[in-house]
């Protein structure tokens, strides 16, 4: 399949090629609707893997509420794909889905980090019997905006350590607003994206262009959701 001279692949092609412990980043702008892609990804991964996969969403600063709003505005039932998904909230006050733990914002990042690590480990342990776990991170860009420059770099360093030392097959996806992401320069975008194995950028509500991938033949192609 081709789209104006660009080869198009399906989301199934990508899901079935994701490697164990892979790290992925989905970029979107404030003019996109990432909710549709999150909805379709959840729907497809549940369809292909069923009970073999556990899904956790880390909802920072009520961003999952924005995702739900976009999905339902397009006429889809978001709750249907949240069934069985565990939610870990960081900041915010709007509960969406099965919220298993809440971490309040702290004036000191070190305190936040300790509480977050304990909560995440507890949530992940609920899927210890699964073949692998998908963790979708929503709102990291906004959370980093609250930190000073030093704390931002510490947070990114923590993420890099987490990504490169995972002992279980956890496949992470960060959903990032590039309009905000560019405001975190210097260093944060460059350091963060360096460790990502896959980076895609939304073209519109149903198509993502591959910018970076281990499978080099995917780079430049468009994923149709």
C-alpha atoms as a PDB file:
ATOM      1  CA  UNK A   1       0.000   0.000   0.000  1.00  0.00           C
ATOM      2  CA  UNK A   2       1.293   3.475  -0.879  1.00  0.00           C
ATOM      3  CA  UNK A   3       0.256   7.027  -0.016  1.00  0.00           C
ATOM      4  CA  UNK A   4       1.460   9.714  -2.436  1.00  0.00           C
ATOM      5  CA  UNK A   5       4.683   7.870  -3.128  1.00  0.00           C
ATOM      6  CA  UNK A   6       5.228   6.792   0.499  1.00  0.00           C
ATOM      7  CA  UNK A   7       4.933   3.133   1.463  1.00  0.00           C
ATOM      8  CA  UNK A   8       2.283   2.486   4.110  1.00  0.00           C
ATOM      9  CA  UNK A   9       2.364  -0.326   6.679  1.00  0.00           C
ATOM     10  CA  UNK A  10      -0.376  -1.369   9.082  1.00  0.00           C
ATOM     11  CA  UNK A  11      -0.290  -1.046  12.846  1.00  0.00           C
ATOM     12  CA  UNK A  12      -0.372  -4.866  12.973  1.00  0.00           C
ATOM     13  CA  UNK A  13       2.939  -4.929  11.087  1.00  0.00           C
ATOM     14  CA  UNK A  14       4.480  -2.730  13.788  1.00  0.00           C
ATOM     15  CA  UNK A  15       2.918  -4.453  16.803  1.00  0.00           C
ATOM     16  CA  UNK A  16       4.113  -7.872  15.654  1.00  0.00           C
ATOM     17  CA  UNK A  17       7.668  -6.559  15.095  1.00  0.00           C
ATOM     18  CA  UNK A  18       8.107  -4.836  18.460  1.00  0.00           C
ATOM     19  CA  UNK A  19      11.080  -6.354  20.244  1.00  0.00           C
ATOM     20  CA  UNK A  20      11.209  -7.424  23.897  1.00  0.00           C
ATOM     21  CA  UNK A  21      11.961  -4.441  26.183  1.00  0.00           C
ATOM     22  CA  UNK A  22      11.554  -2.029  23.247  1.00  0.00           C
ATOM     23  CA  UNK A  23      11.202   1.699  23.881  1.00  0.00           C
ATOM     24  CA  UNK A  24       8.977   3.730  21.581  1.00  0.00           C
ATOM     25  CA  UNK A  25       8.089   7.397  21.283  1.00  0.00           C
ATOM     26  CA  UNK A  26       5.021   8.804  19.550  1.00  0.00           C
ATOM     27  CA  UNK A  27       5.242  12.504  18.759  1.00  0.00           C
ATOM     28  CA  UNK A  28       2.231  14.685  18.104  1.00  0.00           C
ATOM     29  CA  UNK A  29       1.586  18.414  17.940  1.00  0.00           C
ATOM     30  CA  UNK A  30      -1.106  20.426  19.686  1.00  0.00           C
ATOM     31  CA  UNK A  31      -2.995  20.327  16.369  1.00  0.00           C
ATOM     32  CA  UNK A  32      -3.221  16.514  16.331  1.00  0.00           C
ATOM     33  CA  UNK A  33      -5.609  14.176  18.160  1.00  0.00           C
ATOM     34  CA  UNK A  34      -3.418  11.469  19.716  1.00  0.00           C
ATOM     35  CA  UNK A  35      -6.408   9.970  21.494  1.00  0.00           C
ATOM     36  CA  UNK A  36      -7.439   8.123  18.336  1.00  0.00           C
ATOM     37  CA  UNK A  37      -4.024   6.501  17.991  1.00  0.00           C
ATOM     38  CA  UNK A  38      -3.930   5.495  21.666  1.00  0.00           C
ATOM     39  CA  UNK A  39      -7.407   4.007  21.325  1.00  0.00           C
ATOM     40  CA  UNK A  40      -6.520   2.062  18.169  1.00  0.00           C
ATOM     41  CA  UNK A  41      -3.244   0.834  19.607  1.00  0.00           C
ATOM     42  CA  UNK A  42      -4.941  -0.469  22.760  1.00  0.00           C
ATOM     43  CA  UNK A  43      -7.663  -2.106  20.709  1.00  0.00           C
ATOM     44  CA  UNK A  44      -5.215  -3.817  18.362  1.00  0.00           C
ATOM     45  CA  UNK A  45      -2.733  -5.008  20.980  1.00  0.00           C
ATOM     46  CA  UNK A  46      -5.567  -6.569  22.989  1.00  0.00           C
ATOM     47  CA  UNK A  47      -6.894  -8.220  19.836  1.00  0.00           C
ATOM     48  CA  UNK A  48      -3.559  -9.777  18.858  1.00  0.00           C
ATOM     49  CA  UNK A  49      -2.229 -10.699  22.318  1.00  0.00           C
ATOM     50  CA  UNK A  50      -5.340 -11.026  24.521  1.00  0.00           C
ATOM     51  CA  UNK A  51      -4.439 -12.227  28.029  1.00  0.00           C
ATOM     52  CA  UNK A  52      -0.768 -12.683  27.118  1.00  0.00           C
ATOM     53  CA  UNK A  53      -0.129  -8.965  27.638  1.00  0.00           C
ATOM     54  CA  UNK A  54      -0.647  -6.650  30.602  1.00  0.00           C
ATOM     55  CA  UNK A  55      -1.190  -2.937  29.963  1.00  0.00           C
ATOM     56  CA  UNK A  56      -0.337  -0.056  32.304  1.00  0.00           C
ATOM     57  CA  UNK A  57      -0.954   3.623  31.580  1.00  0.00           C
ATOM     58  CA  UNK A  58       1.004   6.260  33.481  1.00  0.00           C
ATOM     59  CA  UNK A  59      -1.255   9.310  33.477  1.00  0.00           C
ATOM     60  CA  UNK A  60       0.589  12.504  34.309  1.00  0.00           C
ATOM     61  CA  UNK A  61      -1.383  15.659  35.107  1.00  0.00           C
ATOM     62  CA  UNK A  62      -4.755  14.363  33.857  1.00  0.00           C
ATOM     63  CA  UNK A  63      -3.614  13.803  30.264  1.00  0.00           C
ATOM     64  CA  UNK A  64      -5.584  10.565  30.055  1.00  0.00           C
ATOM     65  CA  UNK A  65      -8.704  12.695  30.461  1.00  0.00           C
ATOM     66  CA  UNK A  66      -7.740  14.571  27.280  1.00  0.00           C
ATOM     67  CA  UNK A  67      -7.247  11.257  25.467  1.00  0.00           C
ATOM     68  CA  UNK A  68     -10.676  10.066  26.632  1.00  0.00           C
ATOM     69  CA  UNK A  69     -12.295  13.350  25.552  1.00  0.00           C
ATOM     70  CA  UNK A  70     -10.842  13.069  22.030  1.00  0.00           C
ATOM     71  CA  UNK A  71     -11.804   9.416  21.643  1.00  0.00           C
ATOM     72  CA  UNK A  72     -15.388   9.912  22.787  1.00  0.00           C
ATOM     73  CA  UNK A  73     -15.754  13.072  20.666  1.00  0.00           C
ATOM     74  CA  UNK A  74     -15.010  10.849  17.646  1.00  0.00           C
ATOM     75  CA  UNK A  75     -17.769   8.447  18.657  1.00  0.00           C
ATOM     76  CA  UNK A  76     -15.702   5.615  20.148  1.00  0.00           C
ATOM     77  CA  UNK A  77     -16.105   3.901  23.514  1.00  0.00           C
ATOM     78  CA  UNK A  78     -12.847   4.507  25.376  1.00  0.00           C
ATOM     79  CA  UNK A  79     -13.882   2.445  28.399  1.00  0.00           C
ATOM     80  CA  UNK A  80     -14.045  -0.645  26.173  1.00  0.00           C
ATOM     81  CA  UNK A  81     -10.264  -0.573  25.611  1.00  0.00           C
ATOM     82  CA  UNK A  82      -9.478   0.362  29.221  1.00  0.00           C
ATOM     83  CA  UNK A  83     -10.953  -2.881  30.501  1.00  0.00           C
ATOM     84  CA  UNK A  84      -8.142  -4.709  32.308  1.00  0.00           C
ATOM     85  CA  UNK A  85      -5.750  -1.751  31.998  1.00  0.00           C
ATOM     86  CA  UNK A  86      -4.121  -0.505  35.222  1.00  0.00           C
ATOM     87  CA  UNK A  87      -3.660   3.247  35.693  1.00  0.00           C
ATOM     88  CA  UNK A  88      -0.931   4.962  37.722  1.00  0.00           C
ATOM     89  CA  UNK A  89      -1.668   8.660  38.217  1.00  0.00           C
ATOM     90  CA  UNK A  90       0.990  11.315  38.755  1.00  0.00           C
ATOM     91  CA  UNK A  91      -0.560  14.623  39.814  1.00  0.00           C
ATOM     92  CA  UNK A  92      -3.955  15.789  38.612  1.00  0.00           C
ATOM     93  CA  UNK A  93      -7.380  15.067  40.030  1.00  0.00           C
ATOM     94  CA  UNK A  94      -9.376  13.430  37.214  1.00  0.00           C
ATOM     95  CA  UNK A  95      -9.636   9.650  37.528  1.00  0.00           C
ATOM     96  CA  UNK A  96     -10.020   7.745  34.258  1.00  0.00           C
ATOM     97  CA  UNK A  97     -10.084   3.953  34.237  1.00  0.00           C
ATOM     98  CA  UNK A  98      -8.906   1.588  36.969  1.00  0.00           C
ATOM     99  CA  UNK A  99      -6.605   3.852  38.986  1.00  0.00           C
ATOM    100  CA  UNK A 100      -4.399   1.600  41.137  1.00  0.00           C
ATOM    101  CA  UNK A 101      -2.183   4.286  42.663  1.00  0.00           C
ATOM    102  CA  UNK A 102      -1.878   8.081  42.858  1.00  0.00           C
ATOM    103  CA  UNK A 103       1.331  10.032  43.325  1.00  0.00           C
ATOM    104  CA  UNK A 104       0.932  13.658  44.367  1.00  0.00           C
ATOM    105  CA  UNK A 105       3.337  16.257  43.066  1.00  0.00           C
ATOM    106  CA  UNK A 106       6.161  16.978  45.475  1.00  0.00           C
ATOM    107  CA  UNK A 107       8.276  20.084  45.869  1.00  0.00           C
ATOM    108  CA  UNK A 108      11.380  17.890  45.723  1.00  0.00           C
ATOM    109  CA  UNK A 109      11.921  15.590  42.745  1.00  0.00           C
ATOM    110  CA  UNK A 110      13.860  13.071  44.860  1.00  0.00           C
ATOM    111  CA  UNK A 111      10.767  12.492  47.021  1.00  0.00           C
ATOM    112  CA  UNK A 112       8.585  12.115  43.944  1.00  0.00           C
ATOM    113  CA  UNK A 113      11.011   9.628  42.391  1.00  0.00           C
ATOM    114  CA  UNK A 114      10.982   7.365  45.435  1.00  0.00           C
ATOM    115  CA  UNK A 115       7.197   7.284  45.696  1.00  0.00           C
ATOM    116  CA  UNK A 116       6.787   6.755  41.957  1.00  0.00           C
ATOM    117  CA  UNK A 117       9.197   3.812  41.819  1.00  0.00           C
ATOM    118  CA  UNK A 118       7.419   2.036  44.672  1.00  0.00           C
ATOM    119  CA  UNK A 119       3.982   2.605  43.121  1.00  0.00           C
ATOM    120  CA  UNK A 120       5.072   1.498  39.636  1.00  0.00           C
ATOM    121  CA  UNK A 121       6.661  -1.689  40.913  1.00  0.00           C
ATOM    122  CA  UNK A 122       3.453  -2.549  42.758  1.00  0.00           C
ATOM    123  CA  UNK A 123       1.268  -1.958  39.686  1.00  0.00           C
ATOM    124  CA  UNK A 124       3.588  -3.954  37.410  1.00  0.00           C
ATOM    125  CA  UNK A 125       3.561  -6.872  39.865  1.00  0.00           C
ATOM    126  CA  UNK A 126      -0.141  -7.389  39.101  1.00  0.00           C
ATOM    127  CA  UNK A 127       0.903  -8.607  35.643  1.00  0.00           C
ATOM    128  CA  UNK A 128       3.754 -10.867  36.737  1.00  0.00           C
ATOM    129  CA  UNK A 129       2.059 -13.832  35.064  1.00  0.00           C
ATOM    130  CA  UNK A 130       1.867 -12.193  31.631  1.00  0.00           C
ATOM    131  CA  UNK A 131       4.209 -12.800  28.707  1.00  0.00           C
ATOM    132  CA  UNK A 132       5.079  -9.103  28.605  1.00  0.00           C
ATOM    133  CA  UNK A 133       3.783  -5.714  29.754  1.00  0.00           C
ATOM    134  CA  UNK A 134       3.103  -2.593  27.697  1.00  0.00           C
ATOM    135  CA  UNK A 135       3.485   0.669  29.609  1.00  0.00           C
ATOM    136  CA  UNK A 136       2.084   3.807  27.961  1.00  0.00           C
ATOM    137  CA  UNK A 137       3.381   7.089  29.400  1.00  0.00           C
ATOM    138  CA  UNK A 138       1.147  10.123  28.808  1.00  0.00           C
ATOM    139  CA  UNK A 139       1.991  13.677  29.919  1.00  0.00           C
ATOM    140  CA  UNK A 140       5.741  13.452  30.591  1.00  0.00           C
ATOM    141  CA  UNK A 141       6.246  16.646  28.585  1.00  0.00           C
ATOM    142  CA  UNK A 142       3.949  18.622  30.889  1.00  0.00           C
ATOM    143  CA  UNK A 143       5.471  17.102  34.015  1.00  0.00           C
ATOM    144  CA  UNK A 144       8.975  18.114  32.915  1.00  0.00           C
ATOM    145  CA  UNK A 145       7.759  21.676  32.398  1.00  0.00           C
ATOM    146  CA  UNK A 146       7.195  21.860  36.174  1.00  0.00           C
ATOM    147  CA  UNK A 147      10.809  20.965  36.997  1.00  0.00           C
ATOM    148  CA  UNK A 148      13.874  23.158  36.944  1.00  0.00           C
ATOM    149  CA  UNK A 149      16.644  22.426  34.434  1.00  0.00           C
ATOM    150  CA  UNK A 150      18.679  20.236  36.768  1.00  0.00           C
ATOM    151  CA  UNK A 151      15.675  18.158  37.861  1.00  0.00           C
ATOM    152  CA  UNK A 152      14.662  17.668  34.218  1.00  0.00           C
ATOM    153  CA  UNK A 153      18.044  16.150  33.439  1.00  0.00           C
ATOM    154  CA  UNK A 154      17.836  13.953  36.542  1.00  0.00           C
ATOM    155  CA  UNK A 155      14.400  12.726  35.419  1.00  0.00           C
ATOM    156  CA  UNK A 156      15.683  11.924  31.928  1.00  0.00           C
ATOM    157  CA  UNK A 157      18.709  10.159  33.433  1.00  0.00           C
ATOM    158  CA  UNK A 158      16.355   8.090  35.595  1.00  0.00           C
ATOM    159  CA  UNK A 159      14.317   7.140  32.526  1.00  0.00           C
ATOM    160  CA  UNK A 160      17.466   6.114  30.640  1.00  0.00           C
ATOM    161  CA  UNK A 161      18.555   3.942  33.588  1.00  0.00           C
ATOM    162  CA  UNK A 162      15.088   2.369  33.741  1.00  0.00           C
ATOM    163  CA  UNK A 163      15.022   1.692  29.992  1.00  0.00           C
ATOM    164  CA  UNK A 164      18.479   0.139  29.825  1.00  0.00           C
ATOM    165  CA  UNK A 165      18.272  -2.063  32.940  1.00  0.00           C
ATOM    166  CA  UNK A 166      14.823  -3.674  32.671  1.00  0.00           C
ATOM    167  CA  UNK A 167      14.878  -7.303  33.811  1.00  0.00           C
ATOM    168  CA  UNK A 168      11.324  -8.135  32.676  1.00  0.00           C
ATOM    169  CA  UNK A 169       9.917  -7.735  29.157  1.00  0.00           C
ATOM    170  CA  UNK A 170       8.349  -4.283  29.552  1.00  0.00           C
ATOM    171  CA  UNK A 171       7.661  -2.431  26.298  1.00  0.00           C
ATOM    172  CA  UNK A 172       7.359   1.300  26.890  1.00  0.00           C
ATOM    173  CA  UNK A 173       5.636   3.925  24.759  1.00  0.00           C
ATOM    174  CA  UNK A 174       5.960   7.636  25.503  1.00  0.00           C
ATOM    175  CA  UNK A 175       3.287   9.878  23.952  1.00  0.00           C
ATOM    176  CA  UNK A 176       4.883  13.320  23.615  1.00  0.00           C
ATOM    177  CA  UNK A 177       3.530  16.728  22.580  1.00  0.00           C
ATOM    178  CA  UNK A 178       6.296  18.184  20.390  1.00  0.00           C
ATOM    179  CA  UNK A 179       4.927  21.705  20.782  1.00  0.00           C
ATOM    180  CA  UNK A 180       5.892  21.462  24.464  1.00  0.00           C
ATOM    181  CA  UNK A 181       8.876  19.169  23.878  1.00  0.00           C
ATOM    182  CA  UNK A 182      10.776  21.838  21.954  1.00  0.00           C
ATOM    183  CA  UNK A 183      10.442  24.145  24.973  1.00  0.00           C
ATOM    184  CA  UNK A 184      12.548  21.694  27.013  1.00  0.00           C
ATOM    185  CA  UNK A 185      15.706  22.323  25.018  1.00  0.00           C
ATOM    186  CA  UNK A 186      18.613  22.167  25.465  1.00  0.00           C
ATOM    187  CA  UNK A 187      19.514  18.594  26.335  1.00  0.00           C
ATOM    188  CA  UNK A 188      16.189  16.996  27.331  1.00  0.00           C
ATOM    189  CA  UNK A 189      14.835  16.071  23.848  1.00  0.00           C
ATOM    190  CA  UNK A 190      18.273  15.065  22.565  1.00  0.00           C
ATOM    191  CA  UNK A 191      19.146  12.841  25.543  1.00  0.00           C
ATOM    192  CA  UNK A 192      15.693  11.270  25.712  1.00  0.00           C
ATOM    193  CA  UNK A 193      15.366  10.510  21.994  1.00  0.00           C
ATOM    194  CA  UNK A 194      18.862   9.017  21.844  1.00  0.00           C
ATOM    195  CA  UNK A 195      17.773   6.022  23.937  1.00  0.00           C
ATOM    196  CA  UNK A 196      14.516   5.436  22.058  1.00  0.00           C
ATOM    197  CA  UNK A 197      14.596   2.460  19.671  1.00  0.00           C
ATOM    198  CA  UNK A 198      11.537   3.671  17.738  1.00  0.00           C
ATOM    199  CA  UNK A 199      10.250   7.188  17.100  1.00  0.00           C
ATOM    200  CA  UNK A 200       7.145   7.998  15.092  1.00  0.00           C
ATOM    201  CA  UNK A 201       5.480  11.335  14.387  1.00  0.00           C
ATOM    202  CA  UNK A 202       1.779  11.872  13.718  1.00  0.00           C
ATOM    203  CA  UNK A 203       0.871  13.147  10.268  1.00  0.00           C
ATOM    204  CA  UNK A 204      -2.844  13.136  11.012  1.00  0.00           C
ATOM    205  CA  UNK A 205      -5.291  11.274  13.260  1.00  0.00           C
ATOM    206  CA  UNK A 206      -4.724   7.901  11.587  1.00  0.00           C
ATOM    207  CA  UNK A 207      -1.174   8.033  10.172  1.00  0.00           C
ATOM    208  CA  UNK A 208       2.276   8.105  11.770  1.00  0.00           C
ATOM    209  CA  UNK A 209       5.582   8.570   9.939  1.00  0.00           C
ATOM    210  CA  UNK A 210       8.487   6.448  11.177  1.00  0.00           C
ATOM    211  CA  UNK A 211      11.498   8.632  12.018  1.00  0.00           C
ATOM    212  CA  UNK A 212      13.674   6.073  13.799  1.00  0.00           C
ATOM    213  CA  UNK A 213      13.598   2.288  14.048  1.00  0.00           C
ATOM    214  CA  UNK A 214      15.880  -0.702  14.575  1.00  0.00           C
ATOM    215  CA  UNK A 215      14.418  -2.142  11.368  1.00  0.00           C
ATOM    216  CA  UNK A 216      15.891   0.404   8.975  1.00  0.00           C
ATOM    217  CA  UNK A 217      13.475  -0.524   6.202  1.00  0.00           C
ATOM    218  CA  UNK A 218      10.681   1.015   8.288  1.00  0.00           C
ATOM    219  CA  UNK A 219      12.263   4.477   8.439  1.00  0.00           C
ATOM    220  CA  UNK A 220      10.372   6.909   6.230  1.00  0.00           C
ATOM    221  CA  UNK A 221       7.326   4.652   5.941  1.00  0.00           C
ATOM    222  CA  UNK A 222       3.879   5.572   7.239  1.00  0.00           C
ATOM    223  CA  UNK A 223       1.935   3.476   9.756  1.00  0.00           C
ATOM    224  CA  UNK A 224      -1.798   3.533   9.114  1.00  0.00           C
ATOM    225  CA  UNK A 225      -3.964   3.072  12.199  1.00  0.00           C
END
